[in-house]
mmCIF file of all heavy atoms, coordinates in Angstrom:
data_MODEL
# 
_entry.id   MODEL 
# 
loop_
_atom_site.group_PDB 
_atom_site.id 
_atom_site.type_symbol 
_atom_site.label_atom_id 
_atom_site.label_alt_id 
_atom_site.label_comp_id 
_atom_site.label_asym_id 
_atom_site.label_entity_id 
_atom_site.label_seq_id 
_atom_site.pdbx_PDB_ins_code 
_atom_site.Cartn_x 
_atom_site.Cartn_y 
_atom_site.Cartn_z 
_atom_site.occupancy 
_atom_site.B_iso_or_equiv 
_atom_site.pdbx_formal_charge 
_atom_site.auth_seq_id 
_atom_site.auth_comp_id 
_atom_site.auth_asym_id 
_atom_site.auth_atom_id 
_atom_site.pdbx_PDB_model_num 
ATOM 1   N N   . ALA A 1 1  ? 140.634 75.768 99.332  1.00 0.00 ? 1  ALA A N   1 
ATOM 2   C CA  . ALA A 1 1  ? 139.900 76.576 98.354  1.00 0.00 ? 1  ALA A CA  1 
ATOM 3   C C   . ALA A 1 1  ? 139.845 75.905 96.987  1.00 0.00 ? 1  ALA A C   1 
ATOM 4   O O   . ALA A 1 1  ? 139.060 76.308 96.143  1.00 0.00 ? 1  ALA A O   1 
ATOM 5   C CB  . ALA A 1 1  ? 140.545 77.957 98.225  1.00 0.00 ? 1  ALA A CB  1 
ATOM 6   N N   . LYS A 1 2  ? 140.640 74.899 96.756  1.00 0.00 ? 2  LYS A N   1 
ATOM 7   C CA  . LYS A 1 2  ? 140.685 74.203 95.461  1.00 0.00 ? 2  LYS A CA  1 
ATOM 8   C C   . LYS A 1 2  ? 140.948 75.180 94.314  1.00 0.00 ? 2  LYS A C   1 
ATOM 9   O O   . LYS A 1 2  ? 140.415 75.061 93.227  1.00 0.00 ? 2  LYS A O   1 
ATOM 10  C CB  . LYS A 1 2  ? 139.398 73.415 95.193  1.00 0.00 ? 2  LYS A CB  1 
ATOM 11  C CG  . LYS A 1 2  ? 139.074 72.396 96.264  1.00 0.00 ? 2  LYS A CG  1 
ATOM 12  C CD  . LYS A 1 2  ? 140.068 71.263 96.256  1.00 0.00 ? 2  LYS A CD  1 
ATOM 13  C CE  . LYS A 1 2  ? 139.671 70.209 97.264  1.00 0.00 ? 2  LYS A CE  1 
ATOM 14  N NZ  . LYS A 1 2  ? 140.719 69.671 98.031  1.00 0.00 ? 2  LYS A NZ  1 
ATOM 15  N N   . GLU A 1 3  ? 141.782 76.182 94.605  1.00 0.00 ? 3  GLU A N   1 
ATOM 16  C CA  . GLU A 1 3  ? 142.122 77.154 93.576  1.00 0.00 ? 3  GLU A CA  1 
ATOM 17  C C   . GLU A 1 3  ? 142.922 76.467 92.470  1.00 0.00 ? 3  GLU A C   1 
ATOM 18  O O   . GLU A 1 3  ? 143.753 75.618 92.731  1.00 0.00 ? 3  GLU A O   1 
ATOM 19  C CB  . GLU A 1 3  ? 142.971 78.276 94.169  1.00 0.00 ? 3  GLU A CB  1 
ATOM 20  C CG  . GLU A 1 3  ? 142.245 79.113 95.191  1.00 0.00 ? 3  GLU A CG  1 
ATOM 21  C CD  . GLU A 1 3  ? 143.157 80.177 95.751  1.00 0.00 ? 3  GLU A CD  1 
ATOM 22  O OE1 . GLU A 1 3  ? 143.456 81.128 95.017  1.00 0.00 ? 3  GLU A OE1 1 
ATOM 23  O OE2 . GLU A 1 3  ? 143.570 80.024 96.904  1.00 0.00 ? 3  GLU A OE2 1 
ATOM 24  N N   . ARG A 1 4  ? 142.653 76.868 91.232  1.00 0.00 ? 4  ARG A N   1 
ATOM 25  C CA  . ARG A 1 4  ? 143.355 76.307 90.075  1.00 0.00 ? 4  ARG A CA  1 
ATOM 26  C C   . ARG A 1 4  ? 144.272 77.369 89.493  1.00 0.00 ? 4  ARG A C   1 
ATOM 27  O O   . ARG A 1 4  ? 143.995 78.560 89.574  1.00 0.00 ? 4  ARG A O   1 
ATOM 28  C CB  . ARG A 1 4  ? 142.360 75.877 89.000  1.00 0.00 ? 4  ARG A CB  1 
ATOM 29  C CG  . ARG A 1 4  ? 141.406 74.781 89.387  1.00 0.00 ? 4  ARG A CG  1 
ATOM 30  C CD  . ARG A 1 4  ? 141.959 73.388 89.228  1.00 0.00 ? 4  ARG A CD  1 
ATOM 31  N NE  . ARG A 1 4  ? 142.569 73.103 87.942  1.00 0.00 ? 4  ARG A NE  1 
ATOM 32  C CZ  . ARG A 1 4  ? 141.929 72.715 86.856  1.00 0.00 ? 4  ARG A CZ  1 
ATOM 33  N NH1 . ARG A 1 4  ? 140.622 72.571 86.877  1.00 0.00 ? 4  ARG A NH1 1 
ATOM 34  N NH2 . ARG A 1 4  ? 142.575 72.475 85.748  1.00 0.00 ? 4  ARG A NH2 1 
ATOM 35  N N   . CYS A 1 5  ? 145.351 76.920 88.894  1.00 0.00 ? 5  CYS A N   1 
ATOM 36  C CA  . CYS A 1 5  ? 146.262 77.837 88.228  1.00 0.00 ? 5  CYS A CA  1 
ATOM 37  C C   . CYS A 1 5  ? 146.799 77.174 86.961  1.00 0.00 ? 5  CYS A C   1 
ATOM 38  O O   . CYS A 1 5  ? 146.693 75.970 86.794  1.00 0.00 ? 5  CYS A O   1 
ATOM 39  C CB  . CYS A 1 5  ? 147.384 78.270 89.156  1.00 0.00 ? 5  CYS A CB  1 
ATOM 40  S SG  . CYS A 1 5  ? 148.344 76.910 89.833  1.00 0.00 ? 5  CYS A SG  1 
ATOM 41  N N   . THR A 1 6  ? 147.379 77.981 86.072  1.00 0.00 ? 6  THR A N   1 
ATOM 42  C CA  . THR A 1 6  ? 147.871 77.461 84.799  1.00 0.00 ? 6  THR A CA  1 
ATOM 43  C C   . THR A 1 6  ? 149.360 77.151 84.821  1.00 0.00 ? 6  THR A C   1 
ATOM 44  O O   . THR A 1 6  ? 149.891 76.593 83.873  1.00 0.00 ? 6  THR A O   1 
ATOM 45  C CB  . THR A 1 6  ? 147.589 78.463 83.666  1.00 0.00 ? 6  THR A CB  1 
ATOM 46  O OG1 . THR A 1 6  ? 148.190 79.715 84.014  1.00 0.00 ? 6  THR A OG1 1 
ATOM 47  C CG2 . THR A 1 6  ? 146.092 78.636 83.472  1.00 0.00 ? 6  THR A CG2 1 
ATOM 48  N N   . ARG A 1 7  ? 150.014 77.517 85.897  1.00 0.00 ? 7  ARG A N   1 
ATOM 49  C CA  . ARG A 1 7  ? 151.416 77.136 86.100  1.00 0.00 ? 7  ARG A CA  1 
ATOM 50  C C   . ARG A 1 7  ? 151.580 76.829 87.593  1.00 0.00 ? 7  ARG A C   1 
ATOM 51  O O   . ARG A 1 7  ? 150.748 77.257 88.402  1.00 0.00 ? 7  ARG A O   1 
ATOM 52  C CB  . ARG A 1 7  ? 152.376 78.225 85.640  1.00 0.00 ? 7  ARG A CB  1 
ATOM 53  C CG  . ARG A 1 7  ? 152.183 79.560 86.294  1.00 0.00 ? 7  ARG A CG  1 
ATOM 54  C CD  . ARG A 1 7  ? 153.117 80.627 85.720  1.00 0.00 ? 7  ARG A CD  1 
ATOM 55  N NE  . ARG A 1 7  ? 152.797 81.923 86.257  1.00 0.00 ? 7  ARG A NE  1 
ATOM 56  C CZ  . ARG A 1 7  ? 153.103 82.340 87.479  1.00 0.00 ? 7  ARG A CZ  1 
ATOM 57  N NH1 . ARG A 1 7  ? 153.766 81.577 88.293  1.00 0.00 ? 7  ARG A NH1 1 
ATOM 58  N NH2 . ARG A 1 7  ? 152.758 83.528 87.890  1.00 0.00 ? 7  ARG A NH2 1 
ATOM 59  N N   . PRO A 1 8  ? 152.597 76.072 87.957  1.00 0.00 ? 8  PRO A N   1 
ATOM 60  C CA  . PRO A 1 8  ? 152.707 75.670 89.368  1.00 0.00 ? 8  PRO A CA  1 
ATOM 61  C C   . PRO A 1 8  ? 152.798 76.866 90.319  1.00 0.00 ? 8  PRO A C   1 
ATOM 62  O O   . PRO A 1 8  ? 153.630 77.747 90.133  1.00 0.00 ? 8  PRO A O   1 
ATOM 63  C CB  . PRO A 1 8  ? 154.006 74.858 89.406  1.00 0.00 ? 8  PRO A CB  1 
ATOM 64  C CG  . PRO A 1 8  ? 154.267 74.447 88.009  1.00 0.00 ? 8  PRO A CG  1 
ATOM 65  C CD  . PRO A 1 8  ? 153.681 75.516 87.138  1.00 0.00 ? 8  PRO A CD  1 
ATOM 66  N N   . GLU A 1 9  ? 151.904 76.884 91.297  1.00 0.00 ? 9  GLU A N   1 
ATOM 67  C CA  . GLU A 1 9  ? 151.930 77.864 92.390  1.00 0.00 ? 9  GLU A CA  1 
ATOM 68  C C   . GLU A 1 9  ? 151.691 77.100 93.672  1.00 0.00 ? 9  GLU A C   1 
ATOM 69  O O   . GLU A 1 9  ? 150.940 76.118 93.699  1.00 0.00 ? 9  GLU A O   1 
ATOM 70  C CB  . GLU A 1 9  ? 150.828 78.917 92.211  1.00 0.00 ? 9  GLU A CB  1 
ATOM 71  C CG  . GLU A 1 9  ? 151.039 79.840 91.040  1.00 0.00 ? 9  GLU A CG  1 
ATOM 72  C CD  . GLU A 1 9  ? 149.946 80.899 90.955  1.00 0.00 ? 9  GLU A CD  1 
ATOM 73  O OE1 . GLU A 1 9  ? 149.492 81.388 92.021  1.00 0.00 ? 9  GLU A OE1 1 
ATOM 74  O OE2 . GLU A 1 9  ? 149.537 81.219 89.834  1.00 0.00 ? 9  GLU A OE2 1 
ATOM 75  N N   . LEU A 1 10 ? 152.283 77.547 94.752  1.00 0.00 ? 10 LEU A N   1 
ATOM 76  C CA  . LEU A 1 10 ? 152.168 76.846 96.028  1.00 0.00 ? 10 LEU A CA  1 
ATOM 77  C C   . LEU A 1 10 ? 150.709 76.643 96.433  1.00 0.00 ? 10 LEU A C   1 
ATOM 78  O O   . LEU A 1 10 ? 149.901 77.577 96.376  1.00 0.00 ? 10 LEU A O   1 
ATOM 79  C CB  . LEU A 1 10 ? 152.894 77.608 97.131  1.00 0.00 ? 10 LEU A CB  1 
ATOM 80  C CG  . LEU A 1 10 ? 154.413 77.653 97.028  1.00 0.00 ? 10 LEU A CG  1 
ATOM 81  C CD1 . LEU A 1 10 ? 154.995 78.477 98.172  1.00 0.00 ? 10 LEU A CD1 1 
ATOM 82  C CD2 . LEU A 1 10 ? 155.015 76.257 97.020  1.00 0.00 ? 10 LEU A CD2 1 
ATOM 83  N N   . TYR A 1 11 ? 150.402 75.417 96.811  1.00 0.00 ? 11 TYR A N   1 
ATOM 84  C CA  . TYR A 1 11 ? 149.113 75.014 97.385  1.00 0.00 ? 11 TYR A CA  1 
ATOM 85  C C   . TYR A 1 11 ? 147.912 75.166 96.441  1.00 0.00 ? 11 TYR A C   1 
ATOM 86  O O   . TYR A 1 11 ? 146.778 75.164 96.893  1.00 0.00 ? 11 TYR A O   1 
ATOM 87  C CB  . TYR A 1 11 ? 148.828 75.768 98.691  1.00 0.00 ? 11 TYR A CB  1 
ATOM 88  C CG  . TYR A 1 11 ? 149.973 75.752 99.656  1.00 0.00 ? 11 TYR A CG  1 
ATOM 89  C CD1 . TYR A 1 11 ? 150.624 76.925 100.003 1.00 0.00 ? 11 TYR A CD1 1 
ATOM 90  C CD2 . TYR A 1 11 ? 150.433 74.564 100.215 1.00 0.00 ? 11 TYR A CD2 1 
ATOM 91  C CE1 . TYR A 1 11 ? 151.690 76.920 100.890 1.00 0.00 ? 11 TYR A CE1 1 
ATOM 92  C CE2 . TYR A 1 11 ? 151.500 74.544 101.095 1.00 0.00 ? 11 TYR A CE2 1 
ATOM 93  C CZ  . TYR A 1 11 ? 152.127 75.727 101.433 1.00 0.00 ? 11 TYR A CZ  1 
ATOM 94  O OH  . TYR A 1 11 ? 153.176 75.716 102.292 1.00 0.00 ? 11 TYR A OH  1 
ATOM 95  N N   . LYS A 1 12 ? 148.140 75.303 95.158  1.00 0.00 ? 12 LYS A N   1 
ATOM 96  C CA  . LYS A 1 12 ? 147.036 75.436 94.202  1.00 0.00 ? 12 LYS A CA  1 
ATOM 97  C C   . LYS A 1 12 ? 147.055 74.256 93.229  1.00 0.00 ? 12 LYS A C   1 
ATOM 98  O O   . LYS A 1 12 ? 148.119 73.770 92.841  1.00 0.00 ? 12 LYS A O   1 
ATOM 99  C CB  . LYS A 1 12 ? 147.142 76.741 93.428  1.00 0.00 ? 12 LYS A CB  1 
ATOM 100 C CG  . LYS A 1 12 ? 146.924 77.957 94.311  1.00 0.00 ? 12 LYS A CG  1 
ATOM 101 C CD  . LYS A 1 12 ? 146.930 79.221 93.504  1.00 0.00 ? 12 LYS A CD  1 
ATOM 102 C CE  . LYS A 1 12 ? 146.726 80.427 94.414  1.00 0.00 ? 12 LYS A CE  1 
ATOM 103 N NZ  . LYS A 1 12 ? 146.762 81.678 93.663  1.00 0.00 ? 12 LYS A NZ  1 
ATOM 104 N N   . LEU A 1 13 ? 145.856 73.809 92.829  1.00 0.00 ? 13 LEU A N   1 
ATOM 105 C CA  . LEU A 1 13 ? 145.749 72.727 91.861  1.00 0.00 ? 13 LEU A CA  1 
ATOM 106 C C   . LEU A 1 13 ? 146.302 73.183 90.516  1.00 0.00 ? 13 LEU A C   1 
ATOM 107 O O   . LEU A 1 13 ? 146.036 74.305 90.073  1.00 0.00 ? 13 LEU A O   1 
ATOM 108 C CB  . LEU A 1 13 ? 144.295 72.308 91.692  1.00 0.00 ? 13 LEU A CB  1 
ATOM 109 C CG  . LEU A 1 13 ? 143.635 71.682 92.916  1.00 0.00 ? 13 LEU A CG  1 
ATOM 110 C CD1 . LEU A 1 13 ? 142.160 71.428 92.638  1.00 0.00 ? 13 LEU A CD1 1 
ATOM 111 C CD2 . LEU A 1 13 ? 144.331 70.395 93.305  1.00 0.00 ? 13 LEU A CD2 1 
ATOM 112 N N   . TYR A 1 14 ? 147.041 72.310 89.886  1.00 0.00 ? 14 TYR A N   1 
ATOM 113 C CA  . TYR A 1 14 ? 147.709 72.641 88.636  1.00 0.00 ? 14 TYR A CA  1 
ATOM 114 C C   . TYR A 1 14 ? 147.687 71.426 87.725  1.00 0.00 ? 14 TYR A C   1 
ATOM 115 O O   . TYR A 1 14 ? 147.722 70.291 88.193  1.00 0.00 ? 14 TYR A O   1 
ATOM 116 C CB  . TYR A 1 14 ? 149.161 73.044 88.943  1.00 0.00 ? 14 TYR A CB  1 
ATOM 117 C CG  . TYR A 1 14 ? 150.084 72.972 87.762  1.00 0.00 ? 14 TYR A CG  1 
ATOM 118 C CD1 . TYR A 1 14 ? 150.048 73.942 86.769  1.00 0.00 ? 14 TYR A CD1 1 
ATOM 119 C CD2 . TYR A 1 14 ? 151.007 71.943 87.639  1.00 0.00 ? 14 TYR A CD2 1 
ATOM 120 C CE1 . TYR A 1 14 ? 150.891 73.879 85.682  1.00 0.00 ? 14 TYR A CE1 1 
ATOM 121 C CE2 . TYR A 1 14 ? 151.862 71.877 86.548  1.00 0.00 ? 14 TYR A CE2 1 
ATOM 122 C CZ  . TYR A 1 14 ? 151.801 72.850 85.574  1.00 0.00 ? 14 TYR A CZ  1 
ATOM 123 O OH  . TYR A 1 14 ? 152.632 72.782 84.498  1.00 0.00 ? 14 TYR A OH  1 
ATOM 124 N N   . ASN A 1 15 ? 147.594 71.674 86.429  1.00 0.00 ? 15 ASN A N   1 
ATOM 125 C CA  . ASN A 1 15 ? 147.830 70.611 85.452  1.00 0.00 ? 15 ASN A CA  1 
ATOM 126 C C   . ASN A 1 15 ? 148.614 71.206 84.291  1.00 0.00 ? 15 ASN A C   1 
ATOM 127 O O   . ASN A 1 15 ? 148.451 72.385 83.952  1.00 0.00 ? 15 ASN A O   1 
ATOM 128 C CB  . ASN A 1 15 ? 146.537 69.956 84.959  1.00 0.00 ? 15 ASN A CB  1 
ATOM 129 C CG  . ASN A 1 15 ? 145.619 70.904 84.262  1.00 0.00 ? 15 ASN A CG  1 
ATOM 130 O OD1 . ASN A 1 15 ? 144.847 71.601 84.919  1.00 0.00 ? 15 ASN A OD1 1 
ATOM 131 N ND2 . ASN A 1 15 ? 145.688 70.957 82.948  1.00 0.00 ? 15 ASN A ND2 1 
ATOM 132 N N   . ARG A 1 16 ? 149.470 70.382 83.713  1.00 0.00 ? 16 ARG A N   1 
ATOM 133 C CA  . ARG A 1 16 ? 150.223 70.827 82.545  1.00 0.00 ? 16 ARG A CA  1 
ATOM 134 C C   . ARG A 1 16 ? 149.240 71.013 81.391  1.00 0.00 ? 16 ARG A C   1 
ATOM 135 O O   . ARG A 1 16 ? 148.249 70.290 81.294  1.00 0.00 ? 16 ARG A O   1 
ATOM 136 C CB  . ARG A 1 16 ? 151.307 69.800 82.187  1.00 0.00 ? 16 ARG A CB  1 
ATOM 137 C CG  . ARG A 1 16 ? 152.372 69.711 83.287  1.00 0.00 ? 16 ARG A CG  1 
ATOM 138 C CD  . ARG A 1 16 ? 153.330 68.592 83.031  1.00 0.00 ? 16 ARG A CD  1 
ATOM 139 N NE  . ARG A 1 16 ? 152.667 67.314 83.370  1.00 0.00 ? 16 ARG A NE  1 
ATOM 140 C CZ  . ARG A 1 16 ? 153.265 66.143 83.327  1.00 0.00 ? 16 ARG A CZ  1 
ATOM 141 N NH1 . ARG A 1 16 ? 154.525 66.040 82.957  1.00 0.00 ? 16 ARG A NH1 1 
ATOM 142 N NH2 . ARG A 1 16 ? 152.607 65.038 83.648  1.00 0.00 ? 16 ARG A NH2 1 
ATOM 143 N N   . ALA A 1 17 ? 149.531 71.971 80.509  1.00 0.00 ? 17 ALA A N   1 
ATOM 144 C CA  . ALA A 1 17 ? 148.619 72.307 79.411  1.00 0.00 ? 17 ALA A CA  1 
ATOM 145 C C   . ALA A 1 17 ? 148.303 71.096 78.545  1.00 0.00 ? 17 ALA A C   1 
ATOM 146 O O   . ALA A 1 17 ? 147.167 70.933 78.100  1.00 0.00 ? 17 ALA A O   1 
ATOM 147 C CB  . ALA A 1 17 ? 149.220 73.428 78.564  1.00 0.00 ? 17 ALA A CB  1 
ATOM 148 N N   . ASP A 1 18 ? 149.284 70.235 78.333  1.00 0.00 ? 18 ASP A N   1 
ATOM 149 C CA  . ASP A 1 18 ? 149.063 69.063 77.484  1.00 0.00 ? 18 ASP A CA  1 
ATOM 150 C C   . ASP A 1 18 ? 148.521 67.863 78.253  1.00 0.00 ? 18 ASP A C   1 
ATOM 151 O O   . ASP A 1 18 ? 148.339 66.791 77.695  1.00 0.00 ? 18 ASP A O   1 
ATOM 152 C CB  . ASP A 1 18 ? 150.350 68.685 76.744  1.00 0.00 ? 18 ASP A CB  1 
ATOM 153 C CG  . ASP A 1 18 ? 151.499 68.337 77.678  1.00 0.00 ? 18 ASP A CG  1 
ATOM 154 O OD1 . ASP A 1 18 ? 151.483 68.766 78.856  1.00 0.00 ? 18 ASP A OD1 1 
ATOM 155 O OD2 . ASP A 1 18 ? 152.428 67.640 77.225  1.00 0.00 ? 18 ASP A OD2 1 
ATOM 156 N N   . LYS A 1 19 ? 148.239 68.031 79.547  1.00 0.00 ? 19 LYS A N   1 
ATOM 157 C CA  . LYS A 1 19 ? 147.704 66.961 80.403  1.00 0.00 ? 19 LYS A CA  1 
ATOM 158 C C   . LYS A 1 19 ? 146.492 67.494 81.157  1.00 0.00 ? 19 LYS A C   1 
ATOM 159 O O   . LYS A 1 19 ? 146.518 67.692 82.372  1.00 0.00 ? 19 LYS A O   1 
ATOM 160 C CB  . LYS A 1 19 ? 148.757 66.486 81.413  1.00 0.00 ? 19 LYS A CB  1 
ATOM 161 C CG  . LYS A 1 19 ? 150.127 66.208 80.834  1.00 0.00 ? 19 LYS A CG  1 
ATOM 162 C CD  . LYS A 1 19 ? 150.184 64.862 80.176  1.00 0.00 ? 19 LYS A CD  1 
ATOM 163 C CE  . LYS A 1 19 ? 151.620 64.523 79.851  1.00 0.00 ? 19 LYS A CE  1 
ATOM 164 N NZ  . LYS A 1 19 ? 151.901 64.230 78.496  1.00 0.00 ? 19 LYS A NZ  1 
ATOM 165 N N   . PRO A 1 20 ? 145.367 67.745 80.471  1.00 0.00 ? 20 PRO A N   1 
ATOM 166 C CA  . PRO A 1 20 ? 144.229 68.427 81.099  1.00 0.00 ? 20 PRO A CA  1 
ATOM 167 C C   . PRO A 1 20 ? 143.547 67.662 82.228  1.00 0.00 ? 20 PRO A C   1 
ATOM 168 O O   . PRO A 1 20 ? 142.860 68.266 83.047  1.00 0.00 ? 20 PRO A O   1 
ATOM 169 C CB  . PRO A 1 20 ? 143.258 68.630 79.929  1.00 0.00 ? 20 PRO A CB  1 
ATOM 170 C CG  . PRO A 1 20 ? 143.624 67.583 78.933  1.00 0.00 ? 20 PRO A CG  1 
ATOM 171 C CD  . PRO A 1 20 ? 145.109 67.381 79.082  1.00 0.00 ? 20 PRO A CD  1 
ATOM 172 N N   . LEU A 1 21 ? 143.725 66.356 82.316  1.00 0.00 ? 21 LEU A N   1 
ATOM 173 C CA  . LEU A 1 21 ? 143.033 65.578 83.348  1.00 0.00 ? 21 LEU A CA  1 
ATOM 174 C C   . LEU A 1 21 ? 143.835 65.461 84.647  1.00 0.00 ? 21 LEU A C   1 
ATOM 175 O O   . LEU A 1 21 ? 143.288 65.105 85.687  1.00 0.00 ? 21 LEU A O   1 
ATOM 176 C CB  . LEU A 1 21 ? 142.708 64.177 82.824  1.00 0.00 ? 21 LEU A CB  1 
ATOM 177 C CG  . LEU A 1 21 ? 141.799 64.134 81.600  1.00 0.00 ? 21 LEU A CG  1 
ATOM 178 C CD1 . LEU A 1 21 ? 141.593 62.696 81.142  1.00 0.00 ? 21 LEU A CD1 1 
ATOM 179 C CD2 . LEU A 1 21 ? 140.462 64.802 81.892  1.00 0.00 ? 21 LEU A CD2 1 
ATOM 180 N N   . GLU A 1 22 ? 145.134 65.725 84.597  1.00 0.00 ? 22 GLU A N   1 
ATOM 181 C CA  . GLU A 1 22 ? 145.948 65.573 85.803  1.00 0.00 ? 22 GLU A CA  1 
ATOM 182 C C   . GLU A 1 22 ? 145.689 66.718 86.781  1.00 0.00 ? 22 GLU A C   1 
ATOM 183 O O   . GLU A 1 22 ? 145.250 67.798 86.388  1.00 0.00 ? 22 GLU A O   1 
ATOM 184 C CB  . GLU A 1 22 ? 147.443 65.483 85.466  1.00 0.00 ? 22 GLU A CB  1 
ATOM 185 C CG  . GLU A 1 22 ? 148.120 66.821 85.254  1.00 0.00 ? 22 GLU A CG  1 
ATOM 186 C CD  . GLU A 1 22 ? 149.620 66.729 85.053  1.00 0.00 ? 22 GLU A CD  1 
ATOM 187 O OE1 . GLU A 1 22 ? 150.247 65.718 85.380  1.00 0.00 ? 22 GLU A OE1 1 
ATOM 188 O OE2 . GLU A 1 22 ? 150.175 67.709 84.546  1.00 0.00 ? 22 GLU A OE2 1 
ATOM 189 N N   . ARG A 1 23 ? 145.938 66.451 88.055  1.00 0.00 ? 23 ARG A N   1 
ATOM 190 C CA  . ARG A 1 23 ? 145.848 67.468 89.104  1.00 0.00 ? 23 ARG A CA  1 
ATOM 191 C C   . ARG A 1 23 ? 147.046 67.275 90.028  1.00 0.00 ? 23 ARG A C   1 
ATOM 192 O O   . ARG A 1 23 ? 147.223 66.209 90.616  1.00 0.00 ? 23 ARG A O   1 
ATOM 193 C CB  . ARG A 1 23 ? 144.553 67.351 89.919  1.00 0.00 ? 23 ARG A CB  1 
ATOM 194 C CG  . ARG A 1 23 ? 143.295 67.609 89.137  1.00 0.00 ? 23 ARG A CG  1 
ATOM 195 C CD  . ARG A 1 23 ? 143.183 69.049 88.640  1.00 0.00 ? 23 ARG A CD  1 
ATOM 196 N NE  . ARG A 1 23 ? 141.990 69.245 87.854  1.00 0.00 ? 23 ARG A NE  1 
ATOM 197 C CZ  . ARG A 1 23 ? 141.917 69.112 86.529  1.00 0.00 ? 23 ARG A CZ  1 
ATOM 198 N NH1 . ARG A 1 23 ? 142.988 68.771 85.846  1.00 0.00 ? 23 ARG A NH1 1 
ATOM 199 N NH2 . ARG A 1 23 ? 140.795 69.325 85.886  1.00 0.00 ? 23 ARG A NH2 1 
ATOM 200 N N   . THR A 1 24 ? 147.829 68.328 90.140  1.00 0.00 ? 24 THR A N   1 
ATOM 201 C CA  . THR A 1 24 ? 149.052 68.297 90.940  1.00 0.00 ? 24 THR A CA  1 
ATOM 202 C C   . THR A 1 24 ? 149.054 69.520 91.848  1.00 0.00 ? 24 THR A C   1 
ATOM 203 O O   . THR A 1 24 ? 148.494 70.557 91.495  1.00 0.00 ? 24 THR A O   1 
ATOM 204 C CB  . THR A 1 24 ? 150.286 68.337 90.004  1.00 0.00 ? 24 THR A CB  1 
ATOM 205 O OG1 . THR A 1 24 ? 150.182 67.279 89.062  1.00 0.00 ? 24 THR A OG1 1 
ATOM 206 C CG2 . THR A 1 24 ? 151.579 68.165 90.767  1.00 0.00 ? 24 THR A CG2 1 
ATOM 207 N N   . VAL A 1 25 ? 149.711 69.388 92.998  1.00 0.00 ? 25 VAL A N   1 
ATOM 208 C CA  . VAL A 1 25 ? 149.872 70.506 93.923  1.00 0.00 ? 25 VAL A CA  1 
ATOM 209 C C   . VAL A 1 25 ? 151.356 70.657 94.217  1.00 0.00 ? 25 VAL A C   1 
ATOM 210 O O   . VAL A 1 25 ? 152.051 69.666 94.465  1.00 0.00 ? 25 VAL A O   1 
ATOM 211 C CB  . VAL A 1 25 ? 149.101 70.269 95.238  1.00 0.00 ? 25 VAL A CB  1 
ATOM 212 C CG1 . VAL A 1 25 ? 149.406 71.363 96.249  1.00 0.00 ? 25 VAL A CG1 1 
ATOM 213 C CG2 . VAL A 1 25 ? 147.610 70.186 94.987  1.00 0.00 ? 25 VAL A CG2 1 
ATOM 214 N N   . LEU A 1 26 ? 151.846 71.886 94.186  1.00 0.00 ? 26 LEU A N   1 
ATOM 215 C CA  . LEU A 1 26 ? 153.234 72.193 94.511  1.00 0.00 ? 26 LEU A CA  1 
ATOM 216 C C   . LEU A 1 26 ? 153.309 72.627 95.972  1.00 0.00 ? 26 LEU A C   1 
ATOM 217 O O   . LEU A 1 26 ? 152.542 73.493 96.393  1.00 0.00 ? 26 LEU A O   1 
ATOM 218 C CB  . LEU A 1 26 ? 153.736 73.315 93.592  1.00 0.00 ? 26 LEU A CB  1 
ATOM 219 C CG  . LEU A 1 26 ? 155.183 73.776 93.780  1.00 0.00 ? 26 LEU A CG  1 
ATOM 220 C CD1 . LEU A 1 26 ? 156.144 72.677 93.319  1.00 0.00 ? 26 LEU A CD1 1 
ATOM 221 C CD2 . LEU A 1 26 ? 155.428 75.063 92.992  1.00 0.00 ? 26 LEU A CD2 1 
ATOM 222 N N   . ILE A 1 27 ? 154.216 71.997 96.725  1.00 0.00 ? 27 ILE A N   1 
ATOM 223 C CA  . ILE A 1 27 ? 154.398 72.391 98.129  1.00 0.00 ? 27 ILE A CA  1 
ATOM 224 C C   . ILE A 1 27 ? 155.886 72.550 98.421  1.00 0.00 ? 27 ILE A C   1 
ATOM 225 O O   . ILE A 1 27 ? 156.725 71.921 97.764  1.00 0.00 ? 27 ILE A O   1 
ATOM 226 C CB  . ILE A 1 27 ? 153.776 71.376 99.116  1.00 0.00 ? 27 ILE A CB  1 
ATOM 227 C CG1 . ILE A 1 27 ? 154.478 70.018 99.048  1.00 0.00 ? 27 ILE A CG1 1 
ATOM 228 C CG2 . ILE A 1 27 ? 152.277 71.238 98.885  1.00 0.00 ? 27 ILE A CG2 1 
ATOM 229 C CD1 . ILE A 1 27 ? 154.088 69.072 100.156 1.00 0.00 ? 27 ILE A CD1 1 
ATOM 230 N N   . PRO A 1 28 ? 156.235 73.360 99.414  1.00 0.00 ? 28 PRO A N   1 
ATOM 231 C CA  . PRO A 1 28 ? 157.641 73.472 99.805  1.00 0.00 ? 28 PRO A CA  1 
ATOM 232 C C   . PRO A 1 28 ? 158.115 72.174 100.471 1.00 0.00 ? 28 PRO A C   1 
ATOM 233 O O   . PRO A 1 28 ? 157.391 71.577 101.270 1.00 0.00 ? 28 PRO A O   1 
ATOM 234 C CB  . PRO A 1 28 ? 157.655 74.624 100.818 1.00 0.00 ? 28 PRO A CB  1 
ATOM 235 C CG  . PRO A 1 28 ? 156.345 75.314 100.673 1.00 0.00 ? 28 PRO A CG  1 
ATOM 236 C CD  . PRO A 1 28 ? 155.389 74.300 100.143 1.00 0.00 ? 28 PRO A CD  1 
# 
């Protein structure tokens, strides 16, 4: 789904507020 979030959530695209270009995913 390429869902975005503003803080790390499982399986959702995330970037730190001060790093707008990065894309990270949190997984177990």
